[in-house]
Amino acid sequence: MFNNRHWVFQQDSAPAHRAKSTQDWLAAREIDFIRHEDWPSSSPDLNQLDYKIWQHLEEKACSKPHPNLVSLKTSLIKATADIDMDLVRAAIDDWPRRLQACIQNHGGHFELTLVS
């Protein structure tokens, strides 16, 4: 329970996530999670970070070239601190619609715009 609410750990097909040791560790602790076999491969369309939050960070932090890595990190930290929680909530609230689109496309790629 997180803040007294039920949650499900979202996996993807990253090697660390689909490793037997990871799957066994989650199962042994009775953590509710989506097994890697049940998660579509190449599924950034279903990860709120991938389809909305990273886009926002890139727009804010990378709108100008950075002369070095320290400058990029500083810009990313500032952009992260400035994320409006309404954007995060909208991305999360849009997930069921994106899941339905994924099901309709049999796990294949799809394009949807975020509903605000």
N, C-alpha and C. Protein backbone atom coordinates (compact mmCIF):
# COMPACT_ATOMS: atom_id res chain seq x y z
N MET A 1 0.84 -1.18 0.00
CA MET A 1 0.00 0.00 0.00
C MET A 1 0.88 1.24 0.00
N PHE A 2 0.52 2.18 -0.78
CA PHE A 2 1.20 3.46 -0.84
C PHE A 2 0.17 4.53 -0.53
N ASN A 3 0.39 5.26 0.54
CA ASN A 3 -0.61 6.23 0.99
C ASN A 3 -1.98 5.57 1.14
N ASN A 4 -1.98 4.32 1.63
CA ASN A 4 -3.20 3.55 1.84
C ASN A 4 -3.97 3.28 0.54
N ARG A 5 -3.26 3.25 -0.58
CA ARG A 5 -3.90 2.94 -1.86
C ARG A 5 -3.20 1.74 -2.48
N HIS A 6 -3.96 0.92 -3.17
CA HIS A 6 -3.40 -0.23 -3.86
C HIS A 6 -2.58 0.25 -5.06
N TRP A 7 -1.49 -0.41 -5.35
CA TRP A 7 -0.68 -0.07 -6.50
C TRP A 7 -0.11 -1.35 -7.10
N VAL A 8 0.27 -1.25 -8.36
CA VAL A 8 0.86 -2.37 -9.08
C VAL A 8 2.19 -1.89 -9.66
N PHE A 9 3.25 -2.65 -9.40
CA PHE A 9 4.56 -2.31 -9.91
C PHE A 9 4.58 -2.58 -11.41
N GLN A 10 4.91 -1.57 -12.18
CA GLN A 10 4.89 -1.65 -13.64
C GLN A 10 6.26 -2.09 -14.16
N GLN A 11 6.30 -3.21 -14.82
CA GLN A 11 7.52 -3.73 -15.42
C GLN A 11 7.52 -3.39 -16.91
N ASP A 12 8.64 -3.55 -17.53
CA ASP A 12 8.71 -3.53 -18.98
C ASP A 12 9.68 -4.63 -19.38
N SER A 13 10.14 -4.61 -20.59
CA SER A 13 11.00 -5.71 -21.06
C SER A 13 12.48 -5.41 -20.92
N ALA A 14 12.84 -4.45 -20.08
CA ALA A 14 14.26 -4.18 -19.83
C ALA A 14 14.89 -5.44 -19.24
N PRO A 15 16.12 -5.75 -19.62
CA PRO A 15 16.76 -6.98 -19.12
C PRO A 15 16.72 -7.12 -17.60
N ALA A 16 16.94 -6.05 -16.87
CA ALA A 16 16.92 -6.13 -15.41
C ALA A 16 15.53 -6.46 -14.88
N HIS A 17 14.50 -6.03 -15.58
CA HIS A 17 13.12 -6.29 -15.14
C HIS A 17 12.68 -7.71 -15.46
N ARG A 18 13.13 -8.24 -16.58
CA ARG A 18 12.67 -9.57 -16.96
C ARG A 18 13.57 -10.68 -16.42
N ALA A 19 14.63 -10.31 -15.72
CA ALA A 19 15.53 -11.31 -15.14
C ALA A 19 14.76 -12.20 -14.18
N LYS A 20 15.05 -13.48 -14.21
CA LYS A 20 14.37 -14.43 -13.33
C LYS A 20 14.55 -14.03 -11.86
N SER A 21 15.73 -13.56 -11.51
CA SER A 21 15.96 -13.16 -10.12
C SER A 21 15.06 -11.99 -9.71
N THR A 22 14.83 -11.05 -10.61
CA THR A 22 13.93 -9.92 -10.31
C THR A 22 12.51 -10.41 -10.17
N GLN A 23 12.06 -11.23 -11.12
CA GLN A 23 10.70 -11.76 -11.08
C GLN A 23 10.48 -12.59 -9.80
N ASP A 24 11.46 -13.42 -9.45
CA ASP A 24 11.36 -14.25 -8.24
C ASP A 24 11.34 -13.38 -6.98
N TRP A 25 12.17 -12.33 -6.95
CA TRP A 25 12.24 -11.45 -5.79
C TRP A 25 10.89 -10.77 -5.55
N LEU A 26 10.28 -10.25 -6.61
CA LEU A 26 8.97 -9.59 -6.48
C LEU A 26 7.90 -10.58 -6.02
N ALA A 27 7.91 -11.76 -6.63
CA ALA A 27 6.90 -12.77 -6.27
C ALA A 27 7.07 -13.23 -4.82
N ALA A 28 8.30 -13.41 -4.37
CA ALA A 28 8.55 -13.88 -3.01
C ALA A 28 8.07 -12.87 -1.96
N ARG A 29 8.06 -11.62 -2.33
CA ARG A 29 7.62 -10.57 -1.40
C ARG A 29 6.14 -10.21 -1.59
N GLU A 30 5.48 -11.01 -2.42
CA GLU A 30 4.05 -10.82 -2.69
C GLU A 30 3.73 -9.39 -3.14
N ILE A 31 4.63 -8.84 -3.95
CA ILE A 31 4.43 -7.51 -4.54
C ILE A 31 3.58 -7.69 -5.79
N ASP A 32 2.52 -6.92 -5.89
CA ASP A 32 1.65 -6.99 -7.06
C ASP A 32 2.38 -6.32 -8.22
N PHE A 33 2.69 -7.08 -9.27
CA PHE A 33 3.42 -6.53 -10.40
C PHE A 33 2.95 -7.19 -11.69
N ILE A 34 3.20 -6.50 -12.77
CA ILE A 34 2.88 -7.04 -14.10
C ILE A 34 4.12 -7.80 -14.56
N ARG A 35 3.98 -9.11 -14.72
CA ARG A 35 5.11 -9.93 -15.15
C ARG A 35 5.58 -9.50 -16.54
N HIS A 36 6.86 -9.65 -16.79
CA HIS A 36 7.39 -9.18 -18.07
C HIS A 36 6.73 -9.90 -19.25
N GLU A 37 6.27 -11.14 -19.05
CA GLU A 37 5.61 -11.87 -20.14
C GLU A 37 4.27 -11.22 -20.51
N ASP A 38 3.69 -10.51 -19.56
CA ASP A 38 2.38 -9.89 -19.78
C ASP A 38 2.47 -8.43 -20.23
N TRP A 39 3.68 -7.93 -20.34
CA TRP A 39 3.88 -6.53 -20.71
C TRP A 39 4.34 -6.47 -22.16
N PRO A 40 3.72 -5.65 -23.00
CA PRO A 40 4.14 -5.58 -24.41
C PRO A 40 5.60 -5.13 -24.52
N SER A 41 6.34 -5.77 -25.41
CA SER A 41 7.71 -5.33 -25.62
C SER A 41 7.68 -3.97 -26.32
N SER A 42 8.73 -3.23 -26.16
CA SER A 42 8.83 -1.89 -26.76
C SER A 42 7.58 -1.07 -26.46
N SER A 43 7.31 -0.86 -25.19
CA SER A 43 6.05 -0.23 -24.80
C SER A 43 6.19 1.15 -24.16
N PRO A 44 6.96 2.06 -24.74
CA PRO A 44 7.05 3.38 -24.13
C PRO A 44 5.70 4.11 -24.14
N ASP A 45 4.79 3.65 -24.99
CA ASP A 45 3.46 4.27 -25.05
C ASP A 45 2.69 4.08 -23.76
N LEU A 46 3.10 3.14 -22.93
CA LEU A 46 2.38 2.85 -21.69
C LEU A 46 3.09 3.38 -20.45
N ASN A 47 4.25 3.95 -20.61
CA ASN A 47 5.00 4.45 -19.46
C ASN A 47 4.89 5.96 -19.43
N GLN A 48 4.26 6.48 -18.37
CA GLN A 48 4.02 7.92 -18.27
C GLN A 48 5.31 8.72 -18.39
N LEU A 49 6.39 8.20 -17.83
CA LEU A 49 7.67 8.90 -17.96
C LEU A 49 8.07 8.99 -19.42
N ASP A 50 7.91 7.89 -20.16
CA ASP A 50 8.36 7.87 -21.55
C ASP A 50 7.49 8.72 -22.46
N TYR A 51 6.18 8.67 -22.30
CA TYR A 51 5.35 9.35 -23.28
C TYR A 51 5.02 10.78 -22.93
N LYS A 52 5.29 11.22 -21.72
CA LYS A 52 4.96 12.60 -21.41
C LYS A 52 6.02 13.32 -20.59
N ILE A 53 6.47 12.76 -19.51
CA ILE A 53 7.35 13.48 -18.60
C ILE A 53 8.72 13.72 -19.22
N TRP A 54 9.33 12.71 -19.86
CA TRP A 54 10.63 12.92 -20.50
C TRP A 54 10.52 13.96 -21.60
N GLN A 55 9.42 13.94 -22.33
CA GLN A 55 9.20 14.94 -23.39
C GLN A 55 9.21 16.34 -22.78
N HIS A 56 8.52 16.50 -21.67
CA HIS A 56 8.47 17.80 -20.99
C HIS A 56 9.87 18.22 -20.53
N LEU A 57 10.61 17.29 -19.92
CA LEU A 57 11.96 17.60 -19.46
C LEU A 57 12.87 17.97 -20.62
N GLU A 58 12.75 17.24 -21.71
CA GLU A 58 13.58 17.54 -22.88
C GLU A 58 13.28 18.94 -23.42
N GLU A 59 11.99 19.27 -23.50
CA GLU A 59 11.61 20.59 -24.00
C GLU A 59 12.17 21.69 -23.10
N LYS A 60 12.10 21.50 -21.78
CA LYS A 60 12.56 22.53 -20.84
C LYS A 60 14.07 22.57 -20.70
N ALA A 61 14.69 21.40 -20.56
CA ALA A 61 16.11 21.35 -20.24
C ALA A 61 17.02 21.41 -21.47
N CYS A 62 16.49 21.04 -22.62
CA CYS A 62 17.34 20.94 -23.81
C CYS A 62 16.94 21.93 -24.90
N SER A 63 16.25 22.98 -24.52
CA SER A 63 15.82 23.97 -25.52
C SER A 63 17.01 24.76 -26.05
N LYS A 64 18.13 24.71 -25.35
CA LYS A 64 19.36 25.35 -25.81
C LYS A 64 20.51 24.37 -25.62
N PRO A 65 21.55 24.49 -26.44
CA PRO A 65 22.69 23.58 -26.29
C PRO A 65 23.40 23.79 -24.95
N HIS A 66 23.97 22.74 -24.44
CA HIS A 66 24.73 22.81 -23.19
C HIS A 66 26.20 22.61 -23.49
N PRO A 67 27.05 23.46 -22.91
CA PRO A 67 28.48 23.35 -23.20
C PRO A 67 29.15 22.15 -22.54
N ASN A 68 28.48 21.58 -21.51
CA ASN A 68 29.09 20.46 -20.81
C ASN A 68 28.01 19.67 -20.05
N LEU A 69 28.43 18.56 -19.49
CA LEU A 69 27.51 17.68 -18.77
C LEU A 69 26.95 18.34 -17.51
N VAL A 70 27.75 19.11 -16.82
CA VAL A 70 27.29 19.79 -15.60
C VAL A 70 26.14 20.74 -15.93
N SER A 71 26.25 21.46 -17.03
CA SER A 71 25.19 22.37 -17.46
C SER A 71 23.91 21.61 -17.76
N LEU A 72 24.02 20.48 -18.46
CA LEU A 72 22.85 19.67 -18.77
C LEU A 72 22.21 19.14 -17.49
N LYS A 73 23.01 18.61 -16.57
CA LYS A 73 22.47 18.09 -15.31
C LYS A 73 21.76 19.19 -14.52
N THR A 74 22.36 20.35 -14.45
CA THR A 74 21.75 21.48 -13.74
C THR A 74 20.41 21.84 -14.35
N SER A 75 20.37 21.88 -15.66
CA SER A 75 19.13 22.22 -16.37
C SER A 75 18.06 21.16 -16.13
N LEU A 76 18.44 19.89 -16.15
CA LEU A 76 17.49 18.80 -15.90
C LEU A 76 16.95 18.84 -14.46
N ILE A 77 17.81 19.12 -13.52
CA ILE A 77 17.37 19.21 -12.12
C ILE A 77 16.37 20.35 -11.95
N LYS A 78 16.66 21.48 -12.57
CA LYS A 78 15.74 22.62 -12.48
C LYS A 78 14.41 22.29 -13.15
N ALA A 79 14.47 21.71 -14.33
CA ALA A 79 13.25 21.35 -15.06
C ALA A 79 12.42 20.34 -14.28
N THR A 80 13.08 19.39 -13.62
CA THR A 80 12.37 18.40 -12.81
C THR A 80 11.67 19.07 -11.63
N ALA A 81 12.36 19.99 -10.98
CA ALA A 81 11.78 20.69 -9.83
C ALA A 81 10.58 21.54 -10.24
N ASP A 82 10.56 21.97 -11.50
CA ASP A 82 9.49 22.85 -11.99
C ASP A 82 8.31 22.11 -12.63
N ILE A 83 8.33 20.78 -12.61
CA ILE A 83 7.23 20.03 -13.22
C ILE A 83 5.94 20.32 -12.45
N ASP A 84 4.93 20.69 -13.19
CA ASP A 84 3.62 20.96 -12.59
C ASP A 84 2.95 19.61 -12.31
N MET A 85 2.48 19.42 -11.09
CA MET A 85 1.84 18.15 -10.72
C MET A 85 0.59 17.88 -11.54
N ASP A 86 -0.04 18.90 -12.08
CA ASP A 86 -1.19 18.67 -12.96
C ASP A 86 -0.77 17.90 -14.21
N LEU A 87 0.44 18.16 -14.71
CA LEU A 87 0.97 17.42 -15.85
C LEU A 87 1.15 15.95 -15.48
N VAL A 88 1.70 15.70 -14.31
CA VAL A 88 1.91 14.32 -13.84
C VAL A 88 0.57 13.62 -13.68
N ARG A 89 -0.38 14.28 -13.02
CA ARG A 89 -1.70 13.68 -12.82
C ARG A 89 -2.39 13.39 -14.15
N ALA A 90 -2.29 14.32 -15.10
CA ALA A 90 -2.92 14.12 -16.41
C ALA A 90 -2.31 12.92 -17.12
N ALA A 91 -0.99 12.76 -17.04
CA ALA A 91 -0.33 11.62 -17.66
C ALA A 91 -0.79 10.31 -17.03
N ILE A 92 -0.90 10.29 -15.71
CA ILE A 92 -1.36 9.09 -15.00
C ILE A 92 -2.82 8.80 -15.32
N ASP A 93 -3.65 9.83 -15.29
CA ASP A 93 -5.08 9.65 -15.56
C ASP A 93 -5.34 9.19 -16.99
N ASP A 94 -4.42 9.49 -17.91
CA ASP A 94 -4.59 9.10 -19.30
C ASP A 94 -4.18 7.65 -19.56
N TRP A 95 -3.58 7.00 -18.57
CA TRP A 95 -3.06 5.66 -18.76
C TRP A 95 -4.11 4.65 -19.19
N PRO A 96 -5.31 4.61 -18.60
CA PRO A 96 -6.30 3.61 -19.06
C PRO A 96 -6.64 3.75 -20.55
N ARG A 97 -6.71 4.96 -21.04
CA ARG A 97 -7.00 5.18 -22.46
C ARG A 97 -5.84 4.66 -23.32
N ARG A 98 -4.63 4.87 -22.86
CA ARG A 98 -3.47 4.39 -23.61
C ARG A 98 -3.41 2.86 -23.57
N LEU A 99 -3.76 2.28 -22.42
CA LEU A 99 -3.78 0.83 -22.31
C LEU A 99 -4.80 0.24 -23.28
N GLN A 100 -5.97 0.86 -23.38
CA GLN A 100 -6.99 0.39 -24.31
C GLN A 100 -6.49 0.47 -25.76
N ALA A 101 -5.80 1.55 -26.10
CA ALA A 101 -5.25 1.68 -27.46
C ALA A 101 -4.21 0.59 -27.73
N CYS A 102 -3.41 0.27 -26.71
CA CYS A 102 -2.41 -0.79 -26.86
C CYS A 102 -3.10 -2.14 -27.10
N ILE A 103 -4.15 -2.41 -26.35
CA ILE A 103 -4.90 -3.65 -26.52
C ILE A 103 -5.49 -3.72 -27.93
N GLN A 104 -6.08 -2.62 -28.39
CA GLN A 104 -6.68 -2.59 -29.73
C GLN A 104 -5.63 -2.79 -30.82
N ASN A 105 -4.38 -2.40 -30.55
CA ASN A 105 -3.31 -2.57 -31.53
C ASN A 105 -2.49 -3.83 -31.26
N HIS A 106 -3.03 -4.73 -30.44
CA HIS A 106 -2.40 -6.02 -30.14
C HIS A 106 -0.96 -5.84 -29.65
N GLY A 107 -0.75 -4.82 -28.80
CA GLY A 107 0.57 -4.59 -28.23
C GLY A 107 1.50 -3.80 -29.11
N GLY A 108 1.04 -3.43 -30.30
CA GLY A 108 1.88 -2.67 -31.23
C GLY A 108 1.91 -1.19 -30.89
N HIS A 109 2.73 -0.48 -31.61
CA HIS A 109 2.90 0.96 -31.40
C HIS A 109 1.62 1.72 -31.78
N PHE A 110 1.37 2.80 -31.06
CA PHE A 110 0.24 3.67 -31.37
C PHE A 110 0.60 5.08 -30.97
N GLU A 111 -0.12 6.05 -31.49
CA GLU A 111 0.12 7.45 -31.15
C GLU A 111 -1.18 8.04 -30.62
N LEU A 112 -1.13 8.62 -29.45
CA LEU A 112 -2.25 9.35 -28.87
C LEU A 112 -1.70 10.65 -28.30
N THR A 113 -2.52 11.66 -28.31
CA THR A 113 -2.12 12.89 -27.63
C THR A 113 -2.67 12.84 -26.22
N LEU A 114 -1.94 13.48 -25.31
CA LEU A 114 -2.35 13.51 -23.92
C LEU A 114 -3.60 14.34 -23.78
N VAL A 115 -4.58 13.80 -23.09
CA VAL A 115 -5.80 14.53 -22.80
C VAL A 115 -5.52 15.38 -21.58
N SER A 116 -5.79 16.70 -21.66
CA SER A 116 -5.53 17.56 -20.50
C SER A 116 -6.81 18.02 -19.89
